[in-house]
Amino acid sequence: MSDWLEHSVQVEVEAPMDLVWSLWSDLEQMPRWMKWIDSVKIAENCPEISLWTLKTGGLEFTWKSRILKVIPQQIIQWESVDGLPNRGAIRFYDRHTTSIVKLTVGYAIPGIIGKIMDNLFLGRLVESTLRADMERFREYALKAKGR
């Protein structure tokens, strides 16, 4: 039996939506700004499927993810289909001179791990990491804008 935890974080990026979208939608680049994501590989024969590896504190998790919905410059929604159970969406809001990027991530914690790690502690750790990831993305986008 698992408990699902969900977190939403957002950042405002001082860059146009077309740039922000192009950077984020290139999933294989995510390890550049997401601390725990070690690698993302898009399946050659099926572009809506990607293989993910997360590494933190000596632990490694892998999963296969499927893109459920894409509306360019608005949303990318996914769910895992194998491995670490997770789901979520990245939403984009165009503010003309800036862009808002909102990440929502849900993941299943097996009951025993949840009891050992205390869901509240784990949730705070994940949320603070996601906030830092979004700030790193903002910096990454600003550097790309300056090119």
Protein backbone atom coordinates (compact mmCIF):
# COMPACT_ATOMS: atom_id res chain seq x y z
CA MET A 1 0.00 0.00 0.00
CA SER A 2 1.29 3.46 -0.93
CA ASP A 3 0.65 7.05 0.09
CA TRP A 4 0.64 9.70 -2.65
CA LEU A 5 2.35 13.01 -1.95
CA GLU A 6 1.98 16.01 -4.24
CA HIS A 7 3.86 19.31 -4.48
CA SER A 8 3.46 22.42 -6.62
CA VAL A 9 6.12 25.08 -7.06
CA GLN A 10 6.41 27.92 -9.53
CA VAL A 11 8.89 30.48 -10.71
CA GLU A 12 8.69 33.63 -12.77
CA VAL A 13 11.28 33.77 -15.53
CA GLU A 14 12.26 37.05 -17.15
CA ALA A 15 12.30 35.50 -20.62
CA PRO A 16 9.81 35.10 -23.47
CA MET A 17 7.53 32.08 -23.53
CA ASP A 18 8.98 30.59 -26.74
CA LEU A 19 12.43 30.36 -25.10
CA VAL A 20 11.11 29.04 -21.78
CA TRP A 21 9.00 26.42 -23.58
CA SER A 22 11.84 25.29 -25.84
CA LEU A 23 14.21 24.84 -22.90
CA TRP A 24 11.77 22.94 -20.68
CA SER A 25 10.27 20.77 -23.41
CA ASP A 26 13.75 19.37 -24.22
CA LEU A 27 13.39 16.73 -21.49
CA GLU A 28 16.90 15.30 -21.93
CA GLN A 29 18.32 18.64 -20.68
CA MET A 30 16.54 18.45 -17.30
CA PRO A 31 19.58 17.16 -15.38
CA ARG A 32 21.11 20.62 -16.02
CA TRP A 33 18.71 22.18 -13.50
CA MET A 34 17.03 19.33 -11.60
CA LYS A 35 19.34 18.27 -8.77
CA TRP A 36 18.11 14.71 -8.31
CA ILE A 37 17.55 13.86 -11.99
CA ASP A 38 20.64 12.05 -13.23
CA SER A 39 19.43 11.31 -16.76
CA VAL A 40 16.46 11.45 -19.12
CA LYS A 41 16.46 9.50 -22.37
CA ILE A 42 13.69 9.76 -24.96
CA ALA A 43 12.73 6.37 -26.45
CA GLU A 44 13.90 6.21 -30.07
CA ASN A 45 10.81 4.51 -31.43
CA CYS A 46 8.25 6.35 -29.26
CA PRO A 47 8.86 10.06 -28.50
CA GLU A 48 6.13 10.25 -25.84
CA ILE A 49 8.02 7.66 -23.73
CA SER A 50 11.10 8.64 -21.72
CA LEU A 51 13.41 6.75 -19.35
CA TRP A 52 14.35 8.58 -16.14
CA THR A 53 17.00 8.03 -13.47
CA LEU A 54 16.88 9.82 -10.13
CA LYS A 55 19.85 9.67 -7.75
CA THR A 56 20.03 11.10 -4.25
CA GLY A 57 21.76 10.17 -1.03
CA GLY A 58 23.10 6.91 -2.40
CA LEU A 59 19.66 5.84 -3.63
CA GLU A 60 18.78 5.36 -7.27
CA PHE A 61 15.32 5.11 -8.77
CA THR A 62 14.35 4.59 -12.40
CA TRP A 63 11.08 4.80 -14.22
CA LYS A 64 9.52 4.97 -17.62
CA SER A 65 7.24 7.95 -18.19
CA ARG A 66 4.56 8.62 -20.80
CA ILE A 67 3.54 12.09 -21.94
CA LEU A 68 -0.26 12.22 -21.63
CA LYS A 69 -0.91 15.71 -22.91
CA VAL A 70 1.03 18.47 -24.64
CA ILE A 71 -0.38 21.86 -25.51
CA PRO A 72 2.57 23.90 -26.81
CA GLN A 73 3.52 26.79 -24.54
CA GLN A 74 0.80 25.77 -22.05
CA ILE A 75 1.18 22.30 -20.53
CA ILE A 76 3.11 19.02 -20.51
CA GLN A 77 1.40 16.31 -18.45
CA TRP A 78 2.88 12.90 -17.67
CA GLU A 79 2.58 9.71 -15.66
CA SER A 80 4.98 6.89 -15.00
CA VAL A 81 4.14 3.58 -16.64
CA ASP A 82 6.90 1.51 -15.05
CA GLY A 83 9.24 1.90 -12.07
CA LEU A 84 8.91 4.72 -9.51
CA PRO A 85 5.20 5.70 -9.44
CA ASN A 86 4.81 9.40 -10.25
CA ARG A 87 2.69 11.84 -12.22
CA GLY A 88 2.44 15.53 -12.78
CA ALA A 89 2.32 18.51 -15.06
CA ILE A 90 4.36 21.54 -15.97
CA ARG A 91 2.24 24.56 -16.83
CA PHE A 92 3.34 27.71 -18.60
CA TYR A 93 1.75 31.15 -18.31
CA ASP A 94 2.78 33.87 -20.76
CA ARG A 95 3.02 37.30 -19.11
CA HIS A 96 4.38 38.91 -22.30
CA THR A 97 7.71 40.12 -20.84
CA THR A 98 8.00 37.23 -18.38
CA SER A 99 6.84 33.62 -18.13
CA ILE A 100 5.42 31.75 -15.16
CA VAL A 101 6.43 28.09 -14.94
CA LYS A 102 4.46 25.94 -12.47
CA LEU A 103 5.53 22.38 -11.72
CA THR A 104 3.21 19.92 -9.98
CA VAL A 105 4.66 16.52 -9.06
CA GLY A 106 2.92 13.61 -7.35
CA TYR A 107 4.65 10.41 -6.28
CA ALA A 108 3.78 7.25 -4.41
CA ILE A 109 5.67 6.37 -1.26
CA PRO A 110 5.46 2.72 -0.23
CA GLY A 111 3.89 2.52 3.23
CA ILE A 112 7.00 1.20 4.96
CA ILE A 113 9.25 3.95 3.53
CA GLY A 114 6.66 6.57 4.46
CA LYS A 115 6.65 5.32 8.05
CA ILE A 116 10.45 5.26 8.24
CA MET A 117 11.03 8.68 6.65
CA ASP A 118 7.89 10.43 7.94
CA ASN A 119 5.89 11.86 5.03
CA LEU A 120 6.05 15.40 6.46
CA PHE A 121 9.86 15.41 6.52
CA LEU A 122 10.11 13.81 3.08
CA GLY A 123 7.55 16.24 1.66
CA ARG A 124 9.46 19.28 2.96
CA LEU A 125 12.71 17.90 1.54
CA VAL A 126 11.19 17.25 -1.89
CA GLU A 127 9.43 20.62 -2.00
CA SER A 128 12.57 22.58 -1.06
CA THR A 129 14.53 20.65 -3.71
CA LEU A 130 11.88 21.39 -6.34
CA ARG A 131 11.93 25.11 -5.42
CA ALA A 132 15.72 25.15 -5.83
CA ASP A 133 15.36 23.27 -9.15
CA MET A 134 12.94 25.91 -10.42
CA GLU A 135 15.36 28.68 -9.43
CA ARG A 136 18.14 26.83 -11.29
CA PHE A 137 15.84 26.61 -14.32
CA ARG A 138 15.22 30.37 -14.10
CA GLU A 139 18.99 31.00 -14.10
CA TYR A 140 19.46 28.51 -16.97
CA ALA A 141 16.79 30.31 -19.03
CA LEU A 142 18.31 33.73 -18.30
CA LYS A 143 21.73 32.51 -19.50
CA ALA A 144 20.13 31.07 -22.65
CA LYS A 145 18.33 34.39 -23.22
CA GLY A 146 21.66 36.23 -23.03
CA ARG A 147 23.27 34.14 -25.78
